[in-house]
N, C-alpha and C. Protein backbone atom coordinates (compact mmCIF):
# COMPACT_ATOMS: atom_id res chain seq x y z
N UNK A 1 29.56 9.83 -30.11
CA UNK A 1 28.24 9.28 -30.42
C UNK A 1 27.90 8.18 -29.41
N UNK A 2 28.85 7.29 -29.11
CA UNK A 2 28.59 6.21 -28.17
C UNK A 2 28.33 6.77 -26.77
N UNK A 3 29.03 7.85 -26.42
CA UNK A 3 28.83 8.47 -25.09
C UNK A 3 27.41 9.00 -24.95
N UNK A 4 26.85 9.57 -26.03
CA UNK A 4 25.48 10.07 -25.98
C UNK A 4 24.48 8.94 -25.78
N UNK A 5 24.73 7.78 -26.40
CA UNK A 5 23.85 6.64 -26.25
C UNK A 5 23.88 6.12 -24.81
N UNK A 6 25.07 6.10 -24.22
CA UNK A 6 25.20 5.64 -22.85
C UNK A 6 24.48 6.60 -21.90
N UNK A 7 24.63 7.88 -22.13
CA UNK A 7 23.96 8.89 -21.30
C UNK A 7 22.44 8.78 -21.44
N UNK A 8 21.96 8.59 -22.65
CA UNK A 8 20.52 8.46 -22.89
C UNK A 8 19.98 7.18 -22.21
N UNK A 9 20.73 6.10 -22.27
CA UNK A 9 20.29 4.85 -21.65
C UNK A 9 20.27 5.00 -20.12
N UNK A 10 21.27 5.62 -19.57
CA UNK A 10 21.31 5.82 -18.11
C UNK A 10 20.17 6.73 -17.66
N UNK A 11 19.92 7.78 -18.38
CA UNK A 11 18.85 8.71 -18.03
C UNK A 11 17.50 8.01 -18.12
N UNK A 12 17.28 7.24 -19.16
CA UNK A 12 16.02 6.51 -19.31
C UNK A 12 15.85 5.51 -18.17
N UNK A 13 16.93 4.85 -17.76
CA UNK A 13 16.84 3.89 -16.67
C UNK A 13 16.47 4.58 -15.37
N UNK A 14 17.05 5.73 -15.11
CA UNK A 14 16.75 6.47 -13.87
C UNK A 14 15.29 6.91 -13.87
N UNK A 15 14.82 7.48 -14.95
CA UNK A 15 13.43 7.93 -15.02
C UNK A 15 12.45 6.75 -14.89
N UNK A 16 12.79 5.62 -15.48
CA UNK A 16 11.95 4.43 -15.35
C UNK A 16 11.91 3.96 -13.91
N UNK A 17 13.05 3.97 -13.26
CA UNK A 17 13.10 3.55 -11.84
C UNK A 17 12.26 4.47 -10.97
N UNK A 18 12.41 5.78 -11.16
CA UNK A 18 11.64 6.75 -10.37
C UNK A 18 10.16 6.58 -10.62
N UNK A 19 9.75 6.40 -11.88
CA UNK A 19 8.34 6.24 -12.21
C UNK A 19 7.80 4.94 -11.56
N UNK A 20 8.57 3.89 -11.60
CA UNK A 20 8.14 2.64 -11.00
C UNK A 20 7.94 2.79 -9.50
N UNK A 21 8.86 3.47 -8.83
CA UNK A 21 8.78 3.67 -7.40
C UNK A 21 7.56 4.52 -7.03
N UNK A 22 7.30 5.55 -7.84
CA UNK A 22 6.14 6.41 -7.57
C UNK A 22 4.84 5.62 -7.76
N UNK A 23 4.76 4.81 -8.80
CA UNK A 23 3.57 4.00 -9.03
C UNK A 23 3.36 3.00 -7.90
N UNK A 24 4.44 2.38 -7.45
CA UNK A 24 4.32 1.42 -6.35
C UNK A 24 3.85 2.11 -5.07
N UNK A 25 4.36 3.30 -4.82
CA UNK A 25 3.92 4.04 -3.63
C UNK A 25 2.48 4.46 -3.75
N UNK A 26 2.04 4.84 -4.96
CA UNK A 26 0.65 5.23 -5.15
C UNK A 26 -0.29 4.05 -4.92
N UNK A 27 0.04 2.90 -5.50
CA UNK A 27 -0.82 1.71 -5.33
C UNK A 27 -0.82 1.23 -3.89
N UNK A 28 0.31 1.34 -3.22
CA UNK A 28 0.38 0.93 -1.83
C UNK A 28 -0.47 1.84 -0.95
N UNK A 29 -0.51 3.12 -1.30
CA UNK A 29 -1.28 4.08 -0.49
C UNK A 29 -2.78 3.95 -0.74
N UNK A 30 -3.18 3.57 -1.93
CA UNK A 30 -4.60 3.49 -2.27
C UNK A 30 -5.18 2.10 -2.08
N UNK A 31 -4.35 1.09 -1.93
CA UNK A 31 -4.83 -0.28 -1.92
C UNK A 31 -5.41 -0.71 -0.59
N UNK A 32 -5.16 -0.09 0.49
CA UNK A 32 -5.67 -0.56 1.76
C UNK A 32 -4.82 -1.69 2.30
N UNK A 33 -4.96 -2.01 3.57
CA UNK A 33 -4.06 -3.01 4.19
C UNK A 33 -4.34 -4.41 3.72
N UNK A 34 -3.29 -5.17 3.61
CA UNK A 34 -3.41 -6.59 3.29
C UNK A 34 -3.89 -7.33 4.54
N UNK A 35 -4.46 -8.52 4.41
CA UNK A 35 -4.94 -9.23 5.59
C UNK A 35 -3.86 -9.51 6.61
N UNK A 36 -2.62 -9.73 6.21
CA UNK A 36 -1.54 -9.97 7.15
C UNK A 36 -1.24 -8.69 7.94
N UNK A 37 -1.37 -7.55 7.31
CA UNK A 37 -1.04 -6.28 7.97
C UNK A 37 -2.08 -5.92 9.02
N UNK A 38 -3.32 -6.34 8.85
CA UNK A 38 -4.37 -6.05 9.81
C UNK A 38 -4.09 -6.73 11.13
N UNK A 39 -3.55 -7.94 11.10
CA UNK A 39 -3.32 -8.72 12.31
C UNK A 39 -2.13 -8.18 13.08
N UNK A 40 -1.11 -7.68 12.40
CA UNK A 40 0.12 -7.22 13.06
C UNK A 40 -0.12 -5.98 13.89
N UNK A 41 0.69 -5.83 14.93
CA UNK A 41 0.63 -4.64 15.78
C UNK A 41 1.33 -3.49 15.11
N UNK A 42 1.06 -2.27 15.60
CA UNK A 42 1.71 -1.07 15.08
C UNK A 42 3.20 -1.12 15.39
N UNK A 43 4.05 -0.52 14.56
CA UNK A 43 5.49 -0.53 14.82
C UNK A 43 5.80 0.28 16.08
N UNK A 44 6.85 -0.11 16.75
CA UNK A 44 7.21 0.50 18.03
C UNK A 44 7.72 1.92 17.82
N UNK A 45 8.40 2.18 16.73
CA UNK A 45 9.02 3.48 16.49
C UNK A 45 8.05 4.60 16.19
N UNK A 46 6.78 4.35 16.13
CA UNK A 46 5.82 5.39 15.82
C UNK A 46 5.54 5.44 14.34
N UNK A 47 4.74 6.43 13.90
CA UNK A 47 4.39 6.52 12.50
C UNK A 47 5.60 6.88 11.65
N UNK A 48 5.67 6.32 10.48
CA UNK A 48 6.78 6.60 9.58
C UNK A 48 6.28 7.31 8.36
N UNK A 49 7.10 8.22 7.85
CA UNK A 49 6.75 8.96 6.65
C UNK A 49 6.84 8.04 5.44
N UNK A 50 5.97 8.23 4.41
CA UNK A 50 6.05 7.43 3.20
C UNK A 50 7.34 7.74 2.43
N UNK A 51 7.77 6.82 1.61
CA UNK A 51 8.98 7.02 0.81
C UNK A 51 8.74 8.08 -0.24
N UNK A 52 9.64 9.05 -0.32
CA UNK A 52 9.55 10.13 -1.29
C UNK A 52 10.64 9.92 -2.34
N UNK A 53 10.29 9.41 -3.51
CA UNK A 53 11.27 9.10 -4.55
C UNK A 53 11.99 10.34 -5.05
N UNK A 54 11.24 11.44 -5.24
CA UNK A 54 11.87 12.67 -5.74
C UNK A 54 12.84 13.24 -4.71
N UNK A 55 12.47 13.19 -3.45
CA UNK A 55 13.36 13.68 -2.40
C UNK A 55 14.65 12.87 -2.31
N UNK A 56 14.52 11.56 -2.44
CA UNK A 56 15.70 10.69 -2.40
C UNK A 56 16.60 10.95 -3.60
N UNK A 57 15.99 11.17 -4.77
CA UNK A 57 16.78 11.43 -5.96
C UNK A 57 17.52 12.79 -5.82
N UNK A 58 16.84 13.77 -5.23
CA UNK A 58 17.46 15.08 -5.02
C UNK A 58 18.64 14.97 -4.06
N UNK A 59 18.44 14.25 -2.96
CA UNK A 59 19.54 14.08 -2.01
C UNK A 59 20.69 13.31 -2.63
N UNK A 60 20.40 12.32 -3.44
CA UNK A 60 21.45 11.55 -4.10
C UNK A 60 22.24 12.46 -5.05
N UNK A 61 21.55 13.34 -5.76
CA UNK A 61 22.21 14.27 -6.67
C UNK A 61 23.12 15.23 -5.92
N UNK A 62 22.66 15.72 -4.75
CA UNK A 62 23.50 16.61 -3.93
C UNK A 62 24.74 15.89 -3.44
N UNK A 63 24.57 14.67 -2.98
CA UNK A 63 25.72 13.90 -2.47
C UNK A 63 26.73 13.63 -3.60
N UNK A 64 26.22 13.32 -4.79
CA UNK A 64 27.12 13.07 -5.92
C UNK A 64 27.90 14.34 -6.30
N UNK A 65 27.21 15.49 -6.28
CA UNK A 65 27.90 16.75 -6.59
C UNK A 65 28.97 17.07 -5.58
N UNK A 66 28.70 16.82 -4.30
CA UNK A 66 29.71 17.07 -3.26
C UNK A 66 30.88 16.13 -3.43
N UNK A 67 30.58 14.87 -3.76
CA UNK A 67 31.65 13.90 -3.97
C UNK A 67 32.55 14.34 -5.13
N UNK A 68 31.95 14.80 -6.22
CA UNK A 68 32.75 15.24 -7.35
C UNK A 68 33.62 16.44 -7.00
N UNK A 69 33.08 17.36 -6.17
CA UNK A 69 33.89 18.50 -5.76
C UNK A 69 35.02 18.06 -4.83
N UNK A 70 34.76 17.10 -3.95
CA UNK A 70 35.78 16.64 -3.03
C UNK A 70 36.89 15.89 -3.77
N UNK A 71 36.54 15.20 -4.83
CA UNK A 71 37.58 14.48 -5.59
C UNK A 71 38.20 15.36 -6.66
N UNK A 72 37.83 16.63 -6.66
CA UNK A 72 38.41 17.65 -7.52
C UNK A 72 38.25 17.32 -9.00
N UNK A 73 37.07 16.84 -9.35
CA UNK A 73 36.76 16.57 -10.76
C UNK A 73 36.63 17.89 -11.52
N UNK A 74 36.08 18.90 -10.83
CA UNK A 74 35.90 20.23 -11.45
C UNK A 74 37.16 21.03 -11.24
N UNK A 75 37.99 21.10 -12.25
CA UNK A 75 39.23 21.88 -12.12
C UNK A 75 39.21 23.02 -13.10
């Protein structure tokens, strides 16, 4: 019973974090540049892709699965 509560709490925390990141990215994309950003020059490295929360979560899941297989958790 306690294990189910821990799993539910962890899942809720992850979904809340992802939702918060997506909302922040949405507001940053729609808000327009801040006055400080207008004065600054463009970054030297060229244009950068926006942060993709779902992509990062997917890559994290893949890395965790590989780690579990490497540590032989699945026997």
